[in-house]
Amino acid sequence: MAYLTLKLAAYHRGMDVYERVRQYHWSFFIVTSIEAHTYGIAHQLRGMPGAFFYRGPEPGVALDKSSMLKHELDVGEIEASKIDRVHEILSTVSIDQVESSGWNCQNWAIDGFLKLQQEGLAYDHLTVEQIKNWFREA
């Protein structure tokens, strides 16, 4: 049985008008091959507050090619035969469309992680607090 690594990745989004680090963009990444780069399938929330959307699996992404990648964390192992289940689960994660709510991709990723954990696709020893500490903006 082949297993694929499930990661959460955090990307730098620049500075705000006050020269503070903006909140990182978080996304899921399933590693499908490691060659000169780490390739796989990205699952991420897109858009902006009030207009967020999840478009589904984004295959052929090179995780380590982005200069904006700040952190990555292994959060699970998935049987290759269950790869579509990740999309099914993430497509059920609620998306807040209230522009002023403060909700963002980090909330979506946390909710997705908890659902994946309930299905046995994410490590049960990881906590949300550990993930937040790992991905803390510097």
N, C-alpha and C. Protein backbone atom coordinates (compact mmCIF):
# COMPACT_ATOMS: atom_id res chain seq x y z
N MET A 1 0.83 -1.18 0.00
CA MET A 1 0.00 0.00 0.00
C MET A 1 0.88 1.25 0.00
N ALA A 2 0.65 2.14 -0.95
CA ALA A 2 1.43 3.38 -1.03
C ALA A 2 0.77 4.47 -0.19
N TYR A 3 1.59 5.18 0.55
CA TYR A 3 1.11 6.30 1.37
C TYR A 3 1.73 7.60 0.86
N LEU A 4 0.94 8.66 0.92
CA LEU A 4 1.38 9.99 0.51
C LEU A 4 1.36 10.90 1.73
N THR A 5 2.34 11.79 1.82
CA THR A 5 2.42 12.71 2.95
C THR A 5 1.47 13.88 2.73
N LEU A 6 0.70 14.20 3.76
CA LEU A 6 -0.17 15.37 3.77
C LEU A 6 0.52 16.44 4.59
N LYS A 7 0.66 17.62 4.00
CA LYS A 7 1.32 18.73 4.68
C LYS A 7 0.38 19.92 4.79
N LEU A 8 0.66 20.76 5.75
CA LEU A 8 0.13 22.12 5.77
C LEU A 8 1.32 23.00 5.43
N ALA A 9 1.10 23.99 4.58
CA ALA A 9 2.16 24.91 4.19
C ALA A 9 1.72 26.33 4.51
N ALA A 10 2.68 27.15 4.90
CA ALA A 10 2.41 28.56 5.21
C ALA A 10 3.27 29.43 4.29
N TYR A 11 2.63 30.42 3.68
CA TYR A 11 3.30 31.30 2.72
C TYR A 11 3.27 32.74 3.21
N HIS A 12 4.39 33.42 3.03
CA HIS A 12 4.52 34.84 3.37
C HIS A 12 3.67 35.66 2.40
N ARG A 13 2.96 36.67 2.91
CA ARG A 13 2.11 37.52 2.09
C ARG A 13 2.55 38.98 2.12
N GLY A 14 3.75 39.23 2.56
CA GLY A 14 4.26 40.60 2.56
C GLY A 14 3.95 41.33 3.85
N MET A 15 4.07 42.65 3.78
CA MET A 15 3.88 43.52 4.93
C MET A 15 2.62 44.36 4.74
N ASP A 16 2.01 44.76 5.86
CA ASP A 16 0.86 45.66 5.77
C ASP A 16 1.35 47.11 5.72
N VAL A 17 0.42 48.05 5.71
CA VAL A 17 0.79 49.47 5.59
C VAL A 17 1.57 49.97 6.80
N TYR A 18 1.51 49.25 7.90
CA TYR A 18 2.25 49.62 9.11
C TYR A 18 3.58 48.86 9.23
N GLU A 19 3.98 48.19 8.13
CA GLU A 19 5.23 47.41 8.08
C GLU A 19 5.23 46.21 9.02
N ARG A 20 4.04 45.67 9.30
CA ARG A 20 3.91 44.43 10.07
C ARG A 20 3.73 43.27 9.10
N VAL A 21 4.23 42.11 9.48
CA VAL A 21 4.06 40.92 8.66
C VAL A 21 2.57 40.59 8.57
N ARG A 22 2.08 40.44 7.34
CA ARG A 22 0.68 40.05 7.14
C ARG A 22 0.51 38.58 7.51
N GLN A 23 -0.71 38.21 7.89
CA GLN A 23 -0.97 36.82 8.24
C GLN A 23 -0.58 35.92 7.07
N TYR A 24 0.04 34.78 7.40
CA TYR A 24 0.46 33.84 6.37
C TYR A 24 -0.76 33.21 5.68
N HIS A 25 -0.55 32.84 4.43
CA HIS A 25 -1.54 32.04 3.70
C HIS A 25 -1.25 30.57 4.00
N TRP A 26 -2.28 29.83 4.43
CA TRP A 26 -2.13 28.41 4.74
C TRP A 26 -2.83 27.58 3.67
N SER A 27 -2.22 26.47 3.31
CA SER A 27 -2.85 25.55 2.37
C SER A 27 -2.41 24.12 2.68
N PHE A 28 -3.20 23.17 2.19
CA PHE A 28 -2.84 21.76 2.29
C PHE A 28 -2.06 21.37 1.05
N PHE A 29 -1.18 20.38 1.21
CA PHE A 29 -0.37 19.90 0.09
C PHE A 29 -0.17 18.40 0.26
N ILE A 30 -0.50 17.64 -0.77
CA ILE A 30 -0.27 16.19 -0.77
C ILE A 30 0.94 15.92 -1.66
N VAL A 31 1.98 15.37 -1.08
CA VAL A 31 3.21 15.08 -1.83
C VAL A 31 2.99 13.86 -2.70
N THR A 32 3.18 14.02 -4.02
CA THR A 32 3.03 12.90 -4.94
C THR A 32 4.37 12.42 -5.49
N SER A 33 5.38 13.31 -5.50
CA SER A 33 6.72 12.89 -5.93
C SER A 33 7.77 13.87 -5.43
N ILE A 34 8.95 13.34 -5.20
CA ILE A 34 10.08 14.18 -4.79
C ILE A 34 11.20 13.91 -5.79
N GLU A 35 11.52 14.92 -6.56
CA GLU A 35 12.62 14.83 -7.53
C GLU A 35 13.54 16.00 -7.22
N ALA A 36 13.78 16.86 -8.20
CA ALA A 36 14.55 18.08 -7.91
C ALA A 36 13.73 19.00 -7.02
N HIS A 37 12.41 18.88 -7.12
CA HIS A 37 11.48 19.65 -6.29
C HIS A 37 10.44 18.70 -5.71
N THR A 38 9.70 19.19 -4.72
CA THR A 38 8.62 18.40 -4.12
C THR A 38 7.33 18.75 -4.85
N TYR A 39 6.79 17.78 -5.60
CA TYR A 39 5.58 18.00 -6.39
C TYR A 39 4.38 17.35 -5.71
N GLY A 40 3.21 17.91 -5.99
CA GLY A 40 2.02 17.33 -5.43
C GLY A 40 0.77 18.09 -5.79
N ILE A 41 -0.22 17.91 -4.94
CA ILE A 41 -1.55 18.47 -5.15
C ILE A 41 -1.83 19.46 -4.03
N ALA A 42 -2.10 20.70 -4.42
CA ALA A 42 -2.44 21.74 -3.44
C ALA A 42 -3.95 21.78 -3.26
N HIS A 43 -4.36 22.07 -2.04
CA HIS A 43 -5.76 22.32 -1.69
C HIS A 43 -5.76 23.60 -0.88
N GLN A 44 -6.37 24.66 -1.42
CA GLN A 44 -6.30 25.93 -0.72
C GLN A 44 -7.53 26.78 -0.96
N LEU A 45 -7.74 27.67 -0.03
CA LEU A 45 -8.80 28.66 -0.15
C LEU A 45 -8.25 29.80 -0.99
N ARG A 46 -9.06 30.30 -1.89
CA ARG A 46 -8.65 31.42 -2.75
C ARG A 46 -9.63 32.58 -2.56
N GLY A 47 -9.26 33.72 -3.08
CA GLY A 47 -10.14 34.88 -3.01
C GLY A 47 -9.73 35.83 -1.92
N MET A 48 -10.72 36.57 -1.43
CA MET A 48 -10.49 37.57 -0.39
C MET A 48 -11.69 37.61 0.53
N PRO A 49 -11.56 38.29 1.68
CA PRO A 49 -12.69 38.35 2.61
C PRO A 49 -13.98 38.77 1.90
N GLY A 50 -15.01 37.98 2.13
CA GLY A 50 -16.30 38.22 1.51
C GLY A 50 -16.46 37.51 0.18
N ALA A 51 -15.38 36.98 -0.37
CA ALA A 51 -15.43 36.31 -1.67
C ALA A 51 -14.46 35.12 -1.73
N PHE A 52 -14.31 34.41 -0.62
CA PHE A 52 -13.45 33.23 -0.60
C PHE A 52 -14.12 32.07 -1.34
N PHE A 53 -13.29 31.18 -1.92
CA PHE A 53 -13.81 29.97 -2.55
C PHE A 53 -12.74 28.89 -2.54
N TYR A 54 -13.19 27.65 -2.58
CA TYR A 54 -12.30 26.48 -2.70
C TYR A 54 -12.60 25.84 -4.04
N ARG A 55 -11.61 25.81 -4.92
CA ARG A 55 -11.87 25.28 -6.25
C ARG A 55 -11.49 23.82 -6.41
N GLY A 56 -10.96 23.22 -5.38
CA GLY A 56 -10.64 21.80 -5.44
C GLY A 56 -9.16 21.54 -5.64
N PRO A 57 -8.81 20.28 -5.95
CA PRO A 57 -7.42 19.89 -6.07
C PRO A 57 -6.71 20.66 -7.19
N GLU A 58 -5.46 21.06 -6.90
CA GLU A 58 -4.62 21.75 -7.89
C GLU A 58 -3.38 20.89 -8.09
N PRO A 59 -3.42 19.96 -9.07
CA PRO A 59 -2.29 19.04 -9.26
C PRO A 59 -1.10 19.72 -9.93
N GLY A 60 0.06 19.08 -9.82
CA GLY A 60 1.26 19.54 -10.51
C GLY A 60 1.95 20.73 -9.89
N VAL A 61 1.70 20.98 -8.62
CA VAL A 61 2.30 22.13 -7.93
C VAL A 61 3.65 21.70 -7.34
N ALA A 62 4.64 22.58 -7.46
CA ALA A 62 5.95 22.35 -6.84
C ALA A 62 5.99 23.14 -5.54
N LEU A 63 5.90 22.45 -4.42
CA LEU A 63 5.81 23.09 -3.11
C LEU A 63 7.00 24.00 -2.85
N ASP A 64 8.18 23.52 -3.11
CA ASP A 64 9.38 24.25 -2.73
C ASP A 64 9.90 25.23 -3.78
N LYS A 65 9.15 25.45 -4.85
CA LYS A 65 9.56 26.42 -5.87
C LYS A 65 9.17 27.85 -5.51
N SER A 66 8.22 28.00 -4.63
CA SER A 66 7.76 29.34 -4.25
C SER A 66 8.74 29.99 -3.29
N SER A 67 9.14 31.20 -3.62
CA SER A 67 10.03 31.95 -2.71
C SER A 67 9.26 32.45 -1.49
N MET A 68 7.94 32.35 -1.51
CA MET A 68 7.11 32.83 -0.41
C MET A 68 6.84 31.74 0.64
N LEU A 69 7.24 30.49 0.37
CA LEU A 69 7.04 29.41 1.34
C LEU A 69 7.85 29.69 2.59
N LYS A 70 7.17 29.76 3.73
CA LYS A 70 7.83 30.03 5.01
C LYS A 70 8.00 28.76 5.84
N HIS A 71 6.94 27.96 5.94
CA HIS A 71 6.95 26.78 6.79
C HIS A 71 6.14 25.68 6.14
N GLU A 72 6.50 24.46 6.46
CA GLU A 72 5.68 23.31 6.08
C GLU A 72 5.70 22.33 7.24
N LEU A 73 4.61 21.63 7.41
CA LEU A 73 4.47 20.70 8.53
C LEU A 73 3.73 19.46 8.05
N ASP A 74 4.32 18.28 8.27
CA ASP A 74 3.63 17.04 7.96
C ASP A 74 2.48 16.88 8.95
N VAL A 75 1.27 16.73 8.42
CA VAL A 75 0.10 16.60 9.30
C VAL A 75 -0.64 15.28 9.12
N GLY A 76 -0.17 14.44 8.19
CA GLY A 76 -0.83 13.17 8.01
C GLY A 76 -0.20 12.34 6.91
N GLU A 77 -0.66 11.09 6.81
CA GLU A 77 -0.29 10.18 5.74
C GLU A 77 -1.58 9.60 5.18
N ILE A 78 -1.67 9.58 3.86
CA ILE A 78 -2.90 9.16 3.20
C ILE A 78 -2.59 7.99 2.27
N GLU A 79 -3.41 6.97 2.34
CA GLU A 79 -3.30 5.89 1.35
C GLU A 79 -3.58 6.51 -0.01
N ALA A 80 -2.77 6.15 -1.00
CA ALA A 80 -2.94 6.71 -2.35
C ALA A 80 -4.36 6.49 -2.87
N SER A 81 -4.97 5.40 -2.49
CA SER A 81 -6.33 5.10 -2.95
C SER A 81 -7.39 6.02 -2.33
N LYS A 82 -7.01 6.76 -1.27
CA LYS A 82 -7.97 7.65 -0.59
C LYS A 82 -7.71 9.13 -0.89
N ILE A 83 -6.91 9.41 -1.91
CA ILE A 83 -6.53 10.78 -2.21
C ILE A 83 -7.75 11.66 -2.54
N ASP A 84 -8.74 11.09 -3.21
CA ASP A 84 -9.94 11.87 -3.55
C ASP A 84 -10.77 12.21 -2.32
N ARG A 85 -10.61 11.42 -1.27
CA ARG A 85 -11.37 11.67 -0.03
C ARG A 85 -10.96 13.01 0.59
N VAL A 86 -9.71 13.41 0.42
CA VAL A 86 -9.26 14.70 0.95
C VAL A 86 -10.09 15.82 0.33
N HIS A 87 -10.25 15.79 -0.99
CA HIS A 87 -11.07 16.81 -1.66
C HIS A 87 -12.52 16.76 -1.17
N GLU A 88 -13.06 15.56 -1.06
CA GLU A 88 -14.45 15.43 -0.59
C GLU A 88 -14.62 16.08 0.77
N ILE A 89 -13.69 15.84 1.66
CA ILE A 89 -13.77 16.41 3.01
C ILE A 89 -13.58 17.91 2.98
N LEU A 90 -12.54 18.39 2.29
CA LEU A 90 -12.28 19.83 2.27
C LEU A 90 -13.40 20.61 1.59
N SER A 91 -14.09 19.98 0.65
CA SER A 91 -15.19 20.68 -0.02
C SER A 91 -16.39 20.87 0.91
N THR A 92 -16.39 20.19 2.06
CA THR A 92 -17.50 20.36 3.02
C THR A 92 -17.19 21.40 4.10
N VAL A 93 -15.95 21.92 4.10
CA VAL A 93 -15.58 22.91 5.12
C VAL A 93 -16.31 24.22 4.83
N SER A 94 -16.98 24.74 5.83
CA SER A 94 -17.74 25.98 5.67
C SER A 94 -16.81 27.14 5.35
N ILE A 95 -17.29 28.04 4.49
CA ILE A 95 -16.54 29.23 4.10
C ILE A 95 -17.34 30.45 4.52
N ASP A 96 -16.74 31.27 5.35
CA ASP A 96 -17.37 32.49 5.85
C ASP A 96 -17.28 33.57 4.77
N GLN A 97 -18.41 34.09 4.35
CA GLN A 97 -18.43 35.12 3.30
C GLN A 97 -18.72 36.51 3.85
N VAL A 98 -18.57 36.69 5.16
CA VAL A 98 -18.76 38.01 5.76
C VAL A 98 -17.42 38.75 5.68
N GLU A 99 -17.39 39.82 4.91
CA GLU A 99 -16.15 40.53 4.64
C GLU A 99 -15.44 41.03 5.89
N SER A 100 -16.19 41.44 6.88
CA SER A 100 -15.60 42.06 8.07
C SER A 100 -15.41 41.10 9.25
N SER A 101 -15.56 39.81 9.02
CA SER A 101 -15.52 38.85 10.13
C SER A 101 -14.11 38.54 10.63
N GLY A 102 -13.09 38.79 9.83
CA GLY A 102 -11.73 38.43 10.22
C GLY A 102 -11.38 36.99 9.89
N TRP A 103 -12.34 36.25 9.35
CA TRP A 103 -12.14 34.85 8.99
C TRP A 103 -11.28 34.79 7.73
N ASN A 104 -10.38 33.77 7.65
CA ASN A 104 -9.52 33.66 6.47
C ASN A 104 -9.10 32.21 6.21
N CYS A 105 -8.10 32.06 5.35
CA CYS A 105 -7.63 30.73 4.96
C CYS A 105 -7.10 29.93 6.13
N GLN A 106 -6.60 30.59 7.15
CA GLN A 106 -6.11 29.88 8.33
C GLN A 106 -7.26 29.20 9.06
N ASN A 107 -8.39 29.89 9.18
CA ASN A 107 -9.57 29.28 9.79
C ASN A 107 -10.04 28.09 8.97
N TRP A 108 -10.06 28.26 7.65
CA TRP A 108 -10.48 27.18 6.76
C TRP A 108 -9.55 25.97 6.91
N ALA A 109 -8.24 26.22 6.96
CA ALA A 109 -7.28 25.14 7.09
C ALA A 109 -7.43 24.41 8.43
N ILE A 110 -7.66 25.15 9.49
CA ILE A 110 -7.85 24.53 10.80
C ILE A 110 -9.11 23.67 10.80
N ASP A 111 -10.20 24.21 10.28
CA ASP A 111 -11.44 23.43 10.21
C ASP A 111 -11.24 22.19 9.34
N GLY A 112 -10.53 22.35 8.22
CA GLY A 112 -10.24 21.21 7.35
C GLY A 112 -9.38 20.17 8.04
N PHE A 113 -8.36 20.63 8.75
CA PHE A 113 -7.49 19.71 9.49
C PHE A 113 -8.31 18.89 10.48
N LEU A 114 -9.19 19.54 11.23
CA LEU A 114 -10.00 18.83 12.22
C LEU A 114 -10.90 17.79 11.56
N LYS A 115 -11.47 18.11 10.41
CA LYS A 115 -12.30 17.14 9.69
C LYS A 115 -11.46 15.98 9.17
N LEU A 116 -10.29 16.29 8.63
CA LEU A 116 -9.40 15.23 8.15
C LEU A 116 -8.94 14.34 9.31
N GLN A 117 -8.72 14.95 10.46
CA GLN A 117 -8.32 14.21 11.66
C GLN A 117 -9.44 13.27 12.09
N GLN A 118 -10.67 13.74 12.06
CA GLN A 118 -11.82 12.90 12.43
C GLN A 118 -11.95 11.69 11.52
N GLU A 119 -11.54 11.85 10.26
CA GLU A 119 -11.63 10.76 9.28
C GLU A 119 -10.40 9.86 9.31
N GLY A 120 -9.43 10.16 10.18
CA GLY A 120 -8.22 9.36 10.27
C GLY A 120 -7.19 9.66 9.18
N LEU A 121 -7.34 10.80 8.50
CA LEU A 121 -6.41 11.16 7.43
C LEU A 121 -5.34 12.14 7.89
N ALA A 122 -5.49 12.69 9.08
CA ALA A 122 -4.48 13.57 9.67
C ALA A 122 -4.08 12.98 11.02
N TYR A 123 -2.85 13.24 11.41
CA TYR A 123 -2.33 12.69 12.66
C TYR A 123 -3.19 13.10 13.85
N ASP A 124 -3.51 12.13 14.70
CA ASP A 124 -4.34 12.43 15.87
C ASP A 124 -3.53 13.02 17.02
N HIS A 125 -2.21 12.95 16.95
CA HIS A 125 -1.39 13.51 18.04
C HIS A 125 -1.15 15.02 17.88
N LEU A 126 -1.45 15.57 16.71
CA LEU A 126 -1.27 17.02 16.49
C LEU A 126 -2.48 17.78 17.00
N THR A 127 -2.21 18.93 17.60
CA THR A 127 -3.30 19.80 18.05
C THR A 127 -3.29 21.08 17.23
N VAL A 128 -4.42 21.76 17.23
CA VAL A 128 -4.52 23.05 16.54
C VAL A 128 -3.52 24.03 17.13
N GLU A 129 -3.35 24.01 18.44
CA GLU A 129 -2.41 24.92 19.09
C GLU A 129 -0.98 24.67 18.62
N GLN A 130 -0.61 23.42 18.45
CA GLN A 130 0.73 23.10 17.95
C GLN A 130 0.92 23.64 16.53
N ILE A 131 -0.09 23.49 15.71
CA ILE A 131 -0.01 23.99 14.33
C ILE A 131 0.12 25.51 14.33
N LYS A 132 -0.69 26.18 15.12
CA LYS A 132 -0.62 27.65 15.19
C LYS A 132 0.75 28.11 15.66
N ASN A 133 1.33 27.42 16.63
CA ASN A 133 2.66 27.77 17.12
C ASN A 133 3.72 27.56 16.03
N TRP A 134 3.60 26.47 15.29
CA TRP A 134 4.55 26.17 14.23
C TRP A 134 4.51 27.24 13.13
N PHE A 135 3.30 27.72 12.82
CA PHE A 135 3.10 28.66 11.72
C PHE A 135 3.01 30.12 12.17
N ARG A 136 3.42 30.41 13.36
CA ARG A 136 3.34 31.78 13.88
C ARG A 136 4.11 32.75 12.98
N GLU A 137 3.48 33.88 12.67
CA GLU A 137 4.13 34.90 11.85
C GLU A 137 5.29 35.51 12.63
N ALA A 138 6.40 35.70 11.94
CA ALA A 138 7.60 36.25 12.60
C ALA A 138 7.75 37.73 12.31
